[in-house]
C-alpha atoms as a PDB file:
ATOM      1  CA  MET A   1     -32.462   4.493 -22.956  1.00  0.00           C
ATOM      2  CA  THR A   2     -29.722   6.387 -24.695  1.00  0.00           C
ATOM      3  CA  ALA A   3     -29.524   5.178 -28.382  1.00  0.00           C
ATOM      4  CA  ILE A   4     -26.381   5.258 -30.247  1.00  0.00           C
ATOM      5  CA  HIS A   5     -25.368   8.329 -32.491  1.00  0.00           C
ATOM      6  CA  THR A   6     -26.421   6.419 -35.185  1.00  0.00           C
ATOM      7  CA  ASP A   7     -23.139   7.634 -38.322  1.00  0.00           C
ATOM      8  CA  LEU A   8     -21.078   5.724 -35.728  1.00  0.00           C
ATOM      9  CA  PRO A   9     -18.952   3.000 -36.735  1.00  0.00           C
ATOM     10  CA  VAL A  10     -20.369   0.758 -34.373  1.00  0.00           C
ATOM     11  CA  ARG A  11     -23.538  -0.176 -32.875  1.00  0.00           C
ATOM     12  CA  GLU A  12     -24.402  -1.642 -29.553  1.00  0.00           C
ATOM     13  CA  LEU A  13     -24.552  -5.000 -28.513  1.00  0.00           C
ATOM     14  CA  THR A  14     -27.128  -6.700 -25.977  1.00  0.00           C
ATOM     15  CA  LEU A  15     -26.151 -10.040 -24.008  1.00  0.00           C
ATOM     16  CA  GLU A  16     -28.647 -10.877 -21.018  1.00  0.00           C
ATOM     17  CA  THR A  17     -28.911 -10.923 -16.945  1.00  0.00           C
ATOM     18  CA  PRO A  18     -26.487 -11.558 -15.375  1.00  0.00           C
ATOM     19  CA  GLN A  19     -23.864 -10.464 -17.880  1.00  0.00           C
ATOM     20  CA  GLN A  20     -25.525  -7.098 -18.016  1.00  0.00           C
ATOM     21  CA  LYS A  21     -28.561  -5.417 -16.565  1.00  0.00           C
ATOM     22  CA  ILE A  22     -30.125  -1.712 -16.396  1.00  0.00           C
ATOM     23  CA  PHE A  23     -29.267   0.547 -14.087  1.00  0.00           C
ATOM     24  CA  ASN A  24     -31.444   4.213 -14.534  1.00  0.00           C
ATOM     25  CA  GLU A  25     -32.586   3.239 -18.246  1.00  0.00           C
ATOM     26  CA  LYS A  26     -28.464   2.552 -19.074  1.00  0.00           C
ATOM     27  CA  ARG A  27     -27.272  -0.585 -20.047  1.00  0.00           C
ATOM     28  CA  PHE A  28     -24.204  -1.696 -17.887  1.00  0.00           C
ATOM     29  CA  PRO A  29     -21.345  -2.291 -19.177  1.00  0.00           C
ATOM     30  CA  LEU A  30     -22.131   0.183 -22.462  1.00  0.00           C
ATOM     31  CA  ILE A  31     -21.045  -2.511 -24.936  1.00  0.00           C
ATOM     32  CA  LEU A  32     -20.147  -1.602 -28.503  1.00  0.00           C
ATOM     33  CA  VAL A  33     -19.030  -3.973 -31.343  1.00  0.00           C
ATOM     34  CA  PRO A  34     -18.052  -2.607 -35.333  1.00  0.00           C
ATOM     35  CA  LYS A  35     -20.588  -2.203 -37.598  1.00  0.00           C
ATOM     36  CA  ASP A  36     -20.222  -5.055 -39.863  1.00  0.00           C
ATOM     37  CA  ASP A  37     -19.608  -2.873 -42.756  1.00  0.00           C
ATOM     38  CA  GLN A  38     -16.517  -0.875 -40.763  1.00  0.00           C
ATOM     39  CA  LYS A  39     -15.053  -3.887 -40.309  1.00  0.00           C
ATOM     40  CA  ASP A  40     -12.701  -4.110 -43.292  1.00  0.00           C
ATOM     41  CA  ASN A  41     -13.029  -0.031 -43.586  1.00  0.00           C
ATOM     42  CA  GLN A  42     -12.787   1.305 -39.995  1.00  0.00           C
ATOM     43  CA  PHE A  43     -11.395  -1.383 -38.290  1.00  0.00           C
ATOM     44  CA  SER A  44      -8.973  -3.082 -40.127  1.00  0.00           C
ATOM     45  CA  SER A  45      -6.943  -2.851 -37.902  1.00  0.00           C
ATOM     46  CA  ILE A  46      -4.989  -1.843 -34.711  1.00  0.00           C
ATOM     47  CA  ASP A  47      -3.912   1.702 -36.371  1.00  0.00           C
ATOM     48  CA  SER A  48      -7.013   3.051 -38.042  1.00  0.00           C
ATOM     49  CA  THR A  49      -8.990   1.793 -35.014  1.00  0.00           C
ATOM     50  CA  VAL A  50      -6.498   3.783 -32.269  1.00  0.00           C
ATOM     51  CA  ALA A  51      -6.969   6.681 -35.839  1.00  0.00           C
ATOM     52  CA  TRP A  52     -10.648   6.080 -34.636  1.00  0.00           C
ATOM     53  CA  ILE A  53     -10.290   6.226 -30.782  1.00  0.00           C
ATOM     54  CA  LYS A  54      -8.107   9.950 -31.295  1.00  0.00           C
ATOM     55  CA  ASN A  55     -10.904  11.152 -33.589  1.00  0.00           C
ATOM     56  CA  GLN A  56     -13.736   9.949 -31.388  1.00  0.00           C
ATOM     57  CA  LYS A  57     -12.307  10.515 -27.942  1.00  0.00           C
ATOM     58  CA  LYS A  58     -15.012  12.726 -26.466  1.00  0.00           C
ATOM     59  CA  VAL A  59     -17.794  10.693 -27.509  1.00  0.00           C
ATOM     60  CA  ILE A  60     -16.068   7.286 -25.735  1.00  0.00           C
ATOM     61  CA  GLU A  61     -16.290   9.167 -22.972  1.00  0.00           C
ATOM     62  CA  ASP A  62     -19.202  10.033 -22.432  1.00  0.00           C
ATOM     63  CA  PHE A  63     -20.460   6.726 -23.178  1.00  0.00           C
ATOM     64  CA  LEU A  64     -18.527   6.059 -20.277  1.00  0.00           C
ATOM     65  CA  LEU A  65     -19.245   8.640 -17.843  1.00  0.00           C
ATOM     66  CA  GLU A  66     -22.895   7.788 -18.984  1.00  0.00           C
ATOM     67  CA  HIS A  67     -22.238   3.518 -18.346  1.00  0.00           C
ATOM     68  CA  GLY A  68     -19.641   3.557 -15.976  1.00  0.00           C
ATOM     69  CA  ALA A  69     -18.320   0.529 -18.332  1.00  0.00           C
ATOM     70  CA  ILE A  70     -18.044  -0.057 -22.003  1.00  0.00           C
ATOM     71  CA  LEU A  71     -17.031  -3.489 -23.315  1.00  0.00           C
ATOM     72  CA  PHE A  72     -15.224  -3.148 -26.570  1.00  0.00           C
ATOM     73  CA  ARG A  73     -16.195  -6.901 -28.956  1.00  0.00           C
ATOM     74  CA  GLU A  74     -14.852  -7.607 -32.041  1.00  0.00           C
ATOM     75  CA  PHE A  75     -12.310  -5.138 -32.498  1.00  0.00           C
ATOM     76  CA  PRO A  76      -9.130  -6.072 -34.517  1.00  0.00           C
ATOM     77  CA  ILE A  77      -7.282  -6.340 -31.435  1.00  0.00           C
ATOM     78  CA  THR A  78      -5.201  -9.943 -31.216  1.00  0.00           C
ATOM     79  CA  CYS A  79      -2.209  -9.575 -28.591  1.00  0.00           C
ATOM     80  CA  PRO A  80      -0.953  -7.448 -26.081  1.00  0.00           C
ATOM     81  CA  GLU A  81       0.504  -4.701 -28.040  1.00  0.00           C
ATOM     82  CA  ASP A  82      -2.652  -4.283 -29.733  1.00  0.00           C
ATOM     83  CA  PHE A  83      -4.282  -3.575 -26.588  1.00  0.00           C
ATOM     84  CA  ASP A  84      -1.537  -1.582 -25.651  1.00  0.00           C
ATOM     85  CA  ASN A  85      -2.263   0.583 -29.398  1.00  0.00           C
ATOM     86  CA  PHE A  86      -4.974   0.984 -28.222  1.00  0.00           C
ATOM     87  CA  VAL A  87      -4.620   2.414 -24.571  1.00  0.00           C
ATOM     88  CA  LYS A  88      -2.211   4.585 -26.133  1.00  0.00           C
ATOM     89  CA  GLY A  89      -4.607   5.741 -28.367  1.00  0.00           C
ATOM     90  CA  PHE A  90      -6.722   7.456 -25.512  1.00  0.00           C
ATOM     91  CA  GLU A  91      -3.506   9.448 -24.784  1.00  0.00           C
ATOM     92  CA  TYR A  92      -3.536   9.534 -21.048  1.00  0.00           C
ATOM     93  CA  GLU A  93      -0.853   9.555 -18.785  1.00  0.00           C
ATOM     94  CA  PRO A  94      -0.189   5.737 -17.075  1.00  0.00           C
ATOM     95  CA  LEU A  95      -0.173   5.473 -13.125  1.00  0.00           C
ATOM     96  CA  PRO A  96       2.837   3.758 -12.224  1.00  0.00           C
ATOM     97  CA  TYR A  97       1.285   0.482  -9.447  1.00  0.00           C
ATOM     98  CA  VAL A  98       2.833   1.939  -6.076  1.00  0.00           C
ATOM     99  CA  GLY A  99       1.608   0.977  -3.304  1.00  0.00           C
ATOM    100  CA  GLY A 100      -1.167  -1.113  -4.982  1.00  0.00           C
ATOM    101  CA  ALA A 101      -1.323  -5.424  -3.151  1.00  0.00           C
ATOM    102  CA  ALA A 102      -1.770  -7.738  -5.978  1.00  0.00           C
ATOM    103  CA  PRO A 103       1.719  -9.490  -7.839  1.00  0.00           C
ATOM    104  CA  ARG A 104       2.192  -8.310 -11.303  1.00  0.00           C
ATOM    105  CA  THR A 105       3.872  -8.419 -14.224  1.00  0.00           C
ATOM    106  CA  VAL A 106       4.573  -6.151 -16.786  1.00  0.00           C
ATOM    107  CA  VAL A 107       4.110  -7.349 -20.067  1.00  0.00           C
ATOM    108  CA  VAL A 108       4.566  -5.301 -22.765  1.00  0.00           C
ATOM    109  CA  GLY A 109       5.044  -1.031 -22.915  1.00  0.00           C
ATOM    110  CA  ASN A 110       2.405   0.123 -20.132  1.00  0.00           C
ATOM    111  CA  VAL A 111       0.626  -3.016 -20.047  1.00  0.00           C
ATOM    112  CA  PHE A 112       0.443  -6.047 -17.172  1.00  0.00           C
ATOM    113  CA  THR A 113      -0.195  -8.735 -15.795  1.00  0.00           C
ATOM    114  CA  ALA A 114      -4.074  -8.590 -13.854  1.00  0.00           C
ATOM    115  CA  ASN A 115      -3.559  -9.814 -10.320  1.00  0.00           C
ATOM    116  CA  GLU A 116      -1.728 -13.243 -10.692  1.00  0.00           C
ATOM    117  CA  ALA A 117      -3.365 -14.668  -7.422  1.00  0.00           C
ATOM    118  CA  PRO A 118      -3.903 -18.552  -7.848  1.00  0.00           C
ATOM    119  CA  PRO A 119      -6.757 -19.371 -10.210  1.00  0.00           C
ATOM    120  CA  GLU A 120      -8.599 -20.974  -7.370  1.00  0.00           C
ATOM    121  CA  GLN A 121      -8.866 -17.543  -5.248  1.00  0.00           C
ATOM    122  CA  LEU A 122     -11.659 -15.203  -5.168  1.00  0.00           C
ATOM    123  CA  ILE A 123     -10.971 -11.722  -5.523  1.00  0.00           C
ATOM    124  CA  PRO A 124     -13.716  -9.914  -3.717  1.00  0.00           C
ATOM    125  CA  PHE A 125     -14.703  -6.106  -4.756  1.00  0.00           C
ATOM    126  CA  HIS A 126     -12.827  -2.977  -4.597  1.00  0.00           C
ATOM    127  CA  HIS A 127     -12.162   0.157  -6.883  1.00  0.00           C
ATOM    128  CA  GLU A 128      -8.748  -0.062  -7.769  1.00  0.00           C
ATOM    129  CA  MET A 129      -6.031   1.321  -5.058  1.00  0.00           C
ATOM    130  CA  ALA A 130      -8.593   2.781  -3.135  1.00  0.00           C
ATOM    131  CA  GLN A 131      -6.308   1.787   0.073  1.00  0.00           C
ATOM    132  CA  VAL A 132      -4.000   4.249  -0.999  1.00  0.00           C
ATOM    133  CA  PRO A 133      -4.126   8.256  -2.144  1.00  0.00           C
ATOM    134  CA  THR A 134      -3.269   8.488  -5.505  1.00  0.00           C
ATOM    135  CA  TYR A 135      -5.640   5.643  -7.543  1.00  0.00           C
ATOM    136  CA  PRO A 136      -6.171   5.115 -11.012  1.00  0.00           C
ATOM    137  CA  LYS A 137      -8.979   7.714 -12.630  1.00  0.00           C
ATOM    138  CA  ILE A 138      -9.500   5.057 -15.637  1.00  0.00           C
ATOM    139  CA  LEU A 139      -8.771   1.140 -15.836  1.00  0.00           C
ATOM    140  CA  PHE A 140      -8.590  -1.209 -18.992  1.00  0.00           C
ATOM    141  CA  PHE A 141      -8.400  -4.552 -19.508  1.00  0.00           C
ATOM    142  CA  TYR A 142      -7.855  -7.133 -21.427  1.00  0.00           C
ATOM    143  CA  CYS A 143      -8.944 -10.356 -22.353  1.00  0.00           C
ATOM    144  CA  ASP A 144      -5.232 -11.919 -24.341  1.00  0.00           C
ATOM    145  CA  ILE A 145      -6.902 -15.763 -23.199  1.00  0.00           C
ATOM    146  CA  GLU A 146      -9.998 -16.304 -22.412  1.00  0.00           C
ATOM    147  CA  PRO A 147     -10.472 -19.142 -19.535  1.00  0.00           C
ATOM    148  CA  SER A 148     -12.510 -22.355 -20.326  1.00  0.00           C
ATOM    149  CA  GLU A 149     -14.815 -21.775 -17.197  1.00  0.00           C
ATOM    150  CA  GLY A 150     -15.530 -19.081 -15.024  1.00  0.00           C
ATOM    151  CA  GLY A 151     -12.885 -16.472 -14.634  1.00  0.00           C
ATOM    152  CA  GLN A 152     -15.376 -13.495 -15.053  1.00  0.00           C
ATOM    153  CA  THR A 153     -14.626 -10.011 -13.903  1.00  0.00           C
ATOM    154  CA  PRO A 154     -17.212  -8.930 -12.410  1.00  0.00           C
ATOM    155  CA  LEU A 155     -18.629  -5.100 -12.224  1.00  0.00           C
ATOM    156  CA  VAL A 156     -20.827  -3.116 -10.000  1.00  0.00           C
ATOM    157  CA  LEU A 157     -22.339   0.603 -10.172  1.00  0.00           C
ATOM    158  CA  SER A 158     -20.417   2.343  -7.212  1.00  0.00           C
ATOM    159  CA  ASN A 159     -23.562   4.409  -6.449  1.00  0.00           C
ATOM    160  CA  GLU A 160     -26.307   1.765  -6.351  1.00  0.00           C
ATOM    161  CA  VAL A 161     -23.689   0.139  -3.488  1.00  0.00           C
ATOM    162  CA  TYR A 162     -23.964   2.958  -1.851  1.00  0.00           C
ATOM    163  CA  LYS A 163     -27.589   3.824  -2.114  1.00  0.00           C
ATOM    164  CA  SER A 164     -28.478  -0.137  -0.865  1.00  0.00           C
ATOM    165  CA  MET A 165     -26.317  -0.086   2.063  1.00  0.00           C
ATOM    166  CA  ALA A 166     -27.506   3.725   2.759  1.00  0.00           C
ATOM    167  CA  GLU A 167     -31.593   2.312   2.930  1.00  0.00           C
ATOM    168  CA  CYS A 168     -30.363  -1.137   4.329  1.00  0.00           C
ATOM    169  CA  ASP A 169     -27.581   0.399   7.004  1.00  0.00           C
ATOM    170  CA  GLU A 170     -27.895   3.572   7.739  1.00  0.00           C
ATOM    171  CA  ASP A 171     -25.271   3.565  11.150  1.00  0.00           C
ATOM    172  CA  PHE A 172     -23.265   1.612   9.713  1.00  0.00           C
ATOM    173  CA  VAL A 173     -22.921   4.175   6.416  1.00  0.00           C
ATOM    174  CA  LYS A 174     -23.405   6.837   9.365  1.00  0.00           C
ATOM    175  CA  LYS A 175     -20.100   6.100  11.000  1.00  0.00           C
ATOM    176  CA  LEU A 176     -18.053   5.591   7.717  1.00  0.00           C
ATOM    177  CA  VAL A 177     -18.973   8.823   6.731  1.00  0.00           C
ATOM    178  CA  GLU A 178     -17.617  10.173   9.652  1.00  0.00           C
ATOM    179  CA  ASN A 179     -14.863   8.145  10.761  1.00  0.00           C
ATOM    180  CA  GLY A 180     -13.775   6.960   7.463  1.00  0.00           C
ATOM    181  CA  VAL A 181     -11.059   3.727   7.438  1.00  0.00           C
ATOM    182  CA  GLN A 182      -7.467   2.527   7.413  1.00  0.00           C
ATOM    183  CA  TYR A 183      -5.980  -0.187   6.151  1.00  0.00           C
ATOM    184  CA  THR A 184      -3.349  -2.500   7.392  1.00  0.00           C
ATOM    185  CA  ARG A 185      -1.570  -5.001   5.361  1.00  0.00           C
ATOM    186  CA  ILE A 186       1.892  -6.952   6.131  1.00  0.00           C
ATOM    187  CA  MET A 187       4.490  -7.166   2.864  1.00  0.00           C
ATOM    188  CA  PRO A 188       7.466 -10.209   2.425  1.00  0.00           C
ATOM    189  CA  GLN A 189      10.711  -8.860   1.317  1.00  0.00           C
ATOM    190  CA  GLU A 190       9.757 -10.770  -2.383  1.00  0.00           C
ATOM    191  CA  ASP A 191       6.671 -11.500  -4.104  1.00  0.00           C
ATOM    192  CA  ASP A 192       4.551 -14.375  -2.994  1.00  0.00           C
ATOM    193  CA  PRO A 193       2.926 -16.179  -5.681  1.00  0.00           C
ATOM    194  CA  SER A 194       0.581 -17.998  -3.891  1.00  0.00           C
ATOM    195  CA  SER A 195      -1.137 -14.729  -2.653  1.00  0.00           C
ATOM    196  CA  PRO A 196      -3.843 -12.509  -3.879  1.00  0.00           C
ATOM    197  CA  ILE A 197      -2.127  -9.535  -1.590  1.00  0.00           C
ATOM    198  CA  GLY A 198       1.201 -11.007  -2.049  1.00  0.00           C
ATOM    199  CA  ARG A 199       3.397  -8.045  -3.695  1.00  0.00           C
ATOM    200  CA  GLY A 200       6.608  -8.238  -1.817  1.00  0.00           C
ATOM    201  CA  TRP A 201       6.962  -4.337   0.010  1.00  0.00           C
ATOM    202  CA  LYS A 202      10.739  -4.370  -3.167  1.00  0.00           C
ATOM    203  CA  SER A 203       8.049  -4.636  -6.144  1.00  0.00           C
ATOM    204  CA  THR A 204       5.173  -2.947  -4.223  1.00  0.00           C
ATOM    205  CA  TYR A 205       7.344   0.639  -3.422  1.00  0.00           C
ATOM    206  CA  GLN A 206       9.831  -0.225  -6.474  1.00  0.00           C
ATOM    207  CA  THR A 207      13.026  -0.009  -5.000  1.00  0.00           C
ATOM    208  CA  GLN A 208      15.164  -2.457  -3.107  1.00  0.00           C
ATOM    209  CA  ASP A 209      16.068   0.346  -0.502  1.00  0.00           C
ATOM    210  CA  LYS A 210      14.481   0.162   2.753  1.00  0.00           C
ATOM    211  CA  GLU A 211      15.136   4.230   3.309  1.00  0.00           C
ATOM    212  CA  GLU A 212      13.574   4.475  -0.461  1.00  0.00           C
ATOM    213  CA  ALA A 213      10.166   2.228   0.703  1.00  0.00           C
ATOM    214  CA  GLU A 214      10.212   4.549   3.847  1.00  0.00           C
ATOM    215  CA  ARG A 215      10.518   7.245   2.280  1.00  0.00           C
ATOM    216  CA  LYS A 216       7.289   6.468  -0.375  1.00  0.00           C
ATOM    217  CA  CYS A 217       5.619   5.734   3.413  1.00  0.00           C
ATOM    218  CA  LYS A 218       5.978   8.507   4.999  1.00  0.00           C
ATOM    219  CA  ASP A 219       4.752  10.633   0.872  1.00  0.00           C
ATOM    220  CA  GLN A 220       1.357   8.402   1.115  1.00  0.00           C
ATOM    221  CA  GLY A 221       0.797   9.346   4.948  1.00  0.00           C
ATOM    222  CA  THR A 222       1.362   5.213   5.878  1.00  0.00           C
ATOM    223  CA  ILE A 223       2.725   4.093   9.400  1.00  0.00           C
ATOM    224  CA  PHE A 224       5.418   1.819   8.637  1.00  0.00           C
ATOM    225  CA  GLU A 225       6.788  -0.828  11.227  1.00  0.00           C
ATOM    226  CA  TRP A 226       9.991  -3.300   9.950  1.00  0.00           C
ATOM    227  CA  LEU A 227       8.980  -6.451  11.771  1.00  0.00           C
ATOM    228  CA  PRO A 228      12.311  -8.875  12.304  1.00  0.00           C
ATOM    229  CA  ASN A 229      11.757 -11.823   9.208  1.00  0.00           C
ATOM    230  CA  GLY A 230      12.047  -8.951   7.004  1.00  0.00           C
ATOM    231  CA  CYS A 231       8.808  -8.277   6.811  1.00  0.00           C
ATOM    232  CA  LEU A 232       7.113  -4.593   6.133  1.00  0.00           C
ATOM    233  CA  LYS A 233       3.662  -3.685   7.869  1.00  0.00           C
ATOM    234  CA  THR A 234       2.154  -0.802   6.747  1.00  0.00           C
ATOM    235  CA  ILE A 235      -0.874   0.830   8.191  1.00  0.00           C
ATOM    236  CA  THR A 236      -2.905   3.686   5.782  1.00  0.00           C
ATOM    237  CA  ALA A 237      -3.519   6.680   6.534  1.00  0.00           C
ATOM    238  CA  VAL A 238      -7.032   7.340   7.519  1.00  0.00           C
ATOM    239  CA  LEU A 239      -9.113   7.693   4.036  1.00  0.00           C
ATOM    240  CA  PRO A 240     -12.531   7.995   2.781  1.00  0.00           C
ATOM    241  CA  ALA A 241     -15.384   5.395   2.416  1.00  0.00           C
ATOM    242  CA  ILE A 242     -17.554   7.288   1.313  1.00  0.00           C
ATOM    243  CA  ARG A 243     -17.037  10.144  -1.649  1.00  0.00           C
ATOM    244  CA  GLU A 244     -19.111  12.150  -3.974  1.00  0.00           C
ATOM    245  CA  ASP A 245     -18.220  12.301  -7.779  1.00  0.00           C
ATOM    246  CA  THR A 246     -18.160  15.468  -8.344  1.00  0.00           C
ATOM    247  CA  ARG A 247     -18.784  15.194 -11.643  1.00  0.00           C
ATOM    248  CA  THR A 248     -22.569  13.982 -10.987  1.00  0.00           C
ATOM    249  CA  GLY A 249     -23.319  14.311  -7.471  1.00  0.00           C
ATOM    250  CA  LYS A 250     -23.347  11.118  -6.351  1.00  0.00           C
ATOM    251  CA  LYS A 251     -21.996   9.441  -3.831  1.00  0.00           C
ATOM    252  CA  THR A 252     -19.864   6.318  -4.234  1.00  0.00           C
ATOM    253  CA  TRP A 253     -18.677   3.440  -1.685  1.00  0.00           C
ATOM    254  CA  PHE A 254     -15.464   4.169  -3.062  1.00  0.00           C
ATOM    255  CA  ASN A 255     -13.018   1.972  -0.935  1.00  0.00           C
ATOM    256  CA  SER A 256     -11.994  -1.557  -1.058  1.00  0.00           C
ATOM    257  CA  ILE A 257     -13.535  -2.525   2.670  1.00  0.00           C
ATOM    258  CA  ILE A 258     -14.470  -5.737   1.632  1.00  0.00           C
ATOM    259  CA  ALA A 259     -12.017  -7.241  -0.783  1.00  0.00           C
ATOM    260  CA  ALA A 260      -9.663  -6.491   2.804  1.00  0.00           C
ATOM    261  CA  TYR A 261     -12.984  -8.046   4.851  1.00  0.00           C
ATOM    262  CA  GLN A 262     -13.195 -11.291   2.719  1.00  0.00           C
ATOM    263  CA  GLY A 263      -9.751 -11.209   0.531  1.00  0.00           C
ATOM    264  CA  TRP A 264      -6.630  -9.809   2.319  1.00  0.00           C
ATOM    265  CA  LYS A 265      -5.811 -13.230   3.759  1.00  0.00           C
ATOM    266  CA  ASP A 266      -2.452 -15.079   3.499  1.00  0.00           C
ATOM    267  CA  VAL A 267       0.434 -16.400   6.200  1.00  0.00           C
ATOM    268  CA  ARG A 268       0.882 -13.273   7.430  1.00  0.00           C
ATOM    269  CA  ASN A 269      -2.288 -10.965   7.130  1.00  0.00           C
ATOM    270  CA  ASP A 270      -5.940 -11.527   8.703  1.00  0.00           C
ATOM    271  CA  PRO A 271      -8.456 -10.533   6.842  1.00  0.00           C
ATOM    272  CA  GLN A 272     -10.450  -8.939  10.190  1.00  0.00           C
ATOM    273  CA  LYS A 273      -8.014  -6.988  10.807  1.00  0.00           C
ATOM    274  CA  ALA A 274      -7.069  -5.439   7.895  1.00  0.00           C
ATOM    275  CA  ILE A 275      -9.523  -2.959   7.572  1.00  0.00           C
ATOM    276  CA  THR A 276     -10.777  -0.754  10.446  1.00  0.00           C
ATOM    277  CA  PHE A 277     -12.171   2.251  11.507  1.00  0.00           C
ATOM    278  CA  PRO A 278      -9.502   4.853  12.843  1.00  0.00           C
ATOM    279  CA  ASP A 279      -9.545   3.581  16.259  1.00  0.00           C
ATOM    280  CA  GLY A 280      -9.301   0.278  15.563  1.00  0.00           C
ATOM    281  CA  SER A 281     -12.684  -1.384  15.603  1.00  0.00           C
ATOM    282  CA  GLN A 282     -13.435  -4.160  13.289  1.00  0.00           C
ATOM    283  CA  MET A 283     -15.828  -3.851  10.976  1.00  0.00           C
ATOM    284  CA  PRO A 284     -19.613  -5.251  12.096  1.00  0.00           C
ATOM    285  CA  GLU A 285     -19.755  -9.145  11.336  1.00  0.00           C
ATOM    286  CA  ASP A 286     -23.605  -8.361  10.316  1.00  0.00           C
ATOM    287  CA  SER A 287     -23.279  -4.956   8.168  1.00  0.00           C
ATOM    288  CA  MET A 288     -20.459  -7.294   5.808  1.00  0.00           C
ATOM    289  CA  LYS A 289     -23.110 -10.128   5.044  1.00  0.00           C
ATOM    290  CA  ARG A 290     -25.223  -7.104   4.226  1.00  0.00           C
ATOM    291  CA  LEU A 291     -22.831  -5.875   2.251  1.00  0.00           C
ATOM    292  CA  GLY A 292     -22.016  -9.339   0.168  1.00  0.00           C
ATOM    293  CA  GLU A 293     -25.300  -9.252  -0.748  1.00  0.00           C
ATOM    294  CA  VAL A 294     -25.471  -5.684  -2.164  1.00  0.00           C
ATOM    295  CA  PHE A 295     -23.017  -6.666  -4.234  1.00  0.00           C
ATOM    296  CA  GLU A 296     -24.372 -10.013  -5.269  1.00  0.00           C
ATOM    297  CA  GLU A 297     -27.769  -8.443  -6.175  1.00  0.00           C
ATOM    298  CA  HIS A 298     -26.330  -5.618  -8.140  1.00  0.00           C
ATOM    299  CA  THR A 299     -23.454  -7.670 -10.277  1.00  0.00           C
ATOM    300  CA  VAL A 300     -22.961  -7.972 -13.613  1.00  0.00           C
ATOM    301  CA  ALA A 301     -20.471 -10.757 -15.121  1.00  0.00           C
ATOM    302  CA  PHE A 302     -19.833 -11.218 -18.789  1.00  0.00           C
ATOM    303  CA  LYS A 303     -18.245 -13.836 -20.353  1.00  0.00           C
ATOM    304  CA  TRP A 304     -14.710 -13.091 -20.818  1.00  0.00           C
ATOM    305  CA  LYS A 305     -13.705 -13.580 -25.573  1.00  0.00           C
ATOM    306  CA  LYS A 306     -10.690 -13.453 -26.757  1.00  0.00           C
ATOM    307  CA  GLY A 307      -9.799  -9.828 -28.246  1.00  0.00           C
ATOM    308  CA  ASP A 308     -12.855  -7.934 -25.356  1.00  0.00           C
ATOM    309  CA  ILE A 309     -11.348  -4.613 -23.922  1.00  0.00           C
ATOM    310  CA  VAL A 310     -13.395  -3.482 -20.967  1.00  0.00           C
ATOM    311  CA  MET A 311     -12.699   0.618 -20.411  1.00  0.00           C
ATOM    312  CA  VAL A 312     -13.519   1.067 -16.795  1.00  0.00           C
ATOM    313  CA  ASP A 313     -14.190   4.444 -14.738  1.00  0.00           C
ATOM    314  CA  ASN A 314     -12.633   3.264 -11.769  1.00  0.00           C
ATOM    315  CA  ARG A 315     -14.875   6.940  -9.730  1.00  0.00           C
ATOM    316  CA  GLN A 316     -17.738   4.786 -10.181  1.00  0.00           C
ATOM    317  CA  VAL A 317     -17.339   0.470 -11.206  1.00  0.00           C
ATOM    318  CA  LEU A 318     -15.972  -1.029  -8.194  1.00  0.00           C
ATOM    319  CA  HIS A 319     -14.316  -4.554 -10.034  1.00  0.00           C
ATOM    320  CA  ALA A 320     -13.558  -8.170  -9.047  1.00  0.00           C
ATOM    321  CA  ARG A 321     -12.334 -12.053  -9.735  1.00  0.00           C
ATOM    322  CA  ARG A 322     -14.144 -15.075  -9.570  1.00  0.00           C
ATOM    323  CA  SER A 323     -12.310 -18.731  -9.591  1.00  0.00           C
ATOM    324  CA  TYR A 324     -11.358 -19.993 -12.745  1.00  0.00           C
ATOM    325  CA  THR A 325     -10.424 -23.261 -14.557  1.00  0.00           C
ATOM    326  CA  PRO A 326      -6.954 -22.348 -16.511  1.00  0.00           C
ATOM    327  CA  PRO A 327      -6.039 -21.079 -18.652  1.00  0.00           C
ATOM    328  CA  ARG A 328      -6.454 -17.241 -18.649  1.00  0.00           C
ATOM    329  CA  ARG A 329      -4.820 -14.603 -18.889  1.00  0.00           C
ATOM    330  CA  ILE A 330      -6.407 -11.154 -18.278  1.00  0.00           C
ATOM    331  CA  LEU A 331      -4.078  -7.577 -18.632  1.00  0.00           C
ATOM    332  CA  ALA A 332      -4.664  -4.228 -17.359  1.00  0.00           C
ATOM    333  CA  ALA A 333      -3.285  -0.951 -17.737  1.00  0.00           C
ATOM    334  CA  LEU A 334      -4.331   1.601 -15.131  1.00  0.00           C
ATOM    335  CA  CYS A 335      -4.074   5.504 -16.278  1.00  0.00           C
ATOM    336  CA  LYS A 336      -4.798   8.671 -14.066  1.00  0.00           C
END
């Protein structure tokens, strides 16, 4: 088990399963809290915390690569503005949310709401924006209002999902590797808050102009069709479902297959048609059942606390959302 450097002003916090697990002798996620004697010193304010981030950026990034996700707890983050400054401390370039399916609202700076789907709806596991060519490398989530019940943001190591599926469903994984997948979505004109994929084409492509939306589709290699009711139907280019993380040499389950199959459902979309092989054939039901079981086996789901920030390596980790009893407010930032 890798130990946190004793000279750092933070210490590691451990939680019981299922909030935290150990894979390959590494805790997932890594949980960092300020040392008691540093709460009035190094972490007395958001400004001093940002200074620490800038000074220790390489150390934090090494932790992230090693563990896949870091939960920062008990840091002086009390509002969305603090969260925005925390993220900006890393000096990453923000990624515009172009092509994503979830309804979101900008809050401040580069911060916006996480998926605004109704609280009773589950959001299945996915790599953020895996259904478009340009996806964020790093995600940040912030708990502004902790849920009274439920509302966890479960995390799964992508390589562990791949390894398990390659062992229990070799033929399906081979077909994914050889063929890739395509995602089909029908978008309304305006955002539909009743749907987990209810983002309208105007906000998806950040334009009011149909020709501009068409141009952005073409830039992404997306096939598009305007429907009589004003909706836009899109079919992505063929995308890989299994990728190798060149930093680690590990193969990852880098896709939104289970998210589309289980969650892309509303009055416009049929989830079984939302994710297909390039020839139009659907995902086999028995493979989807096994995949769901693999995710459940490897899931960690910590309980959110006000002020928590989780930093996620989007190339290594999939995330989801559980249903909850309001109120709950989780904010997000996406970085290139």
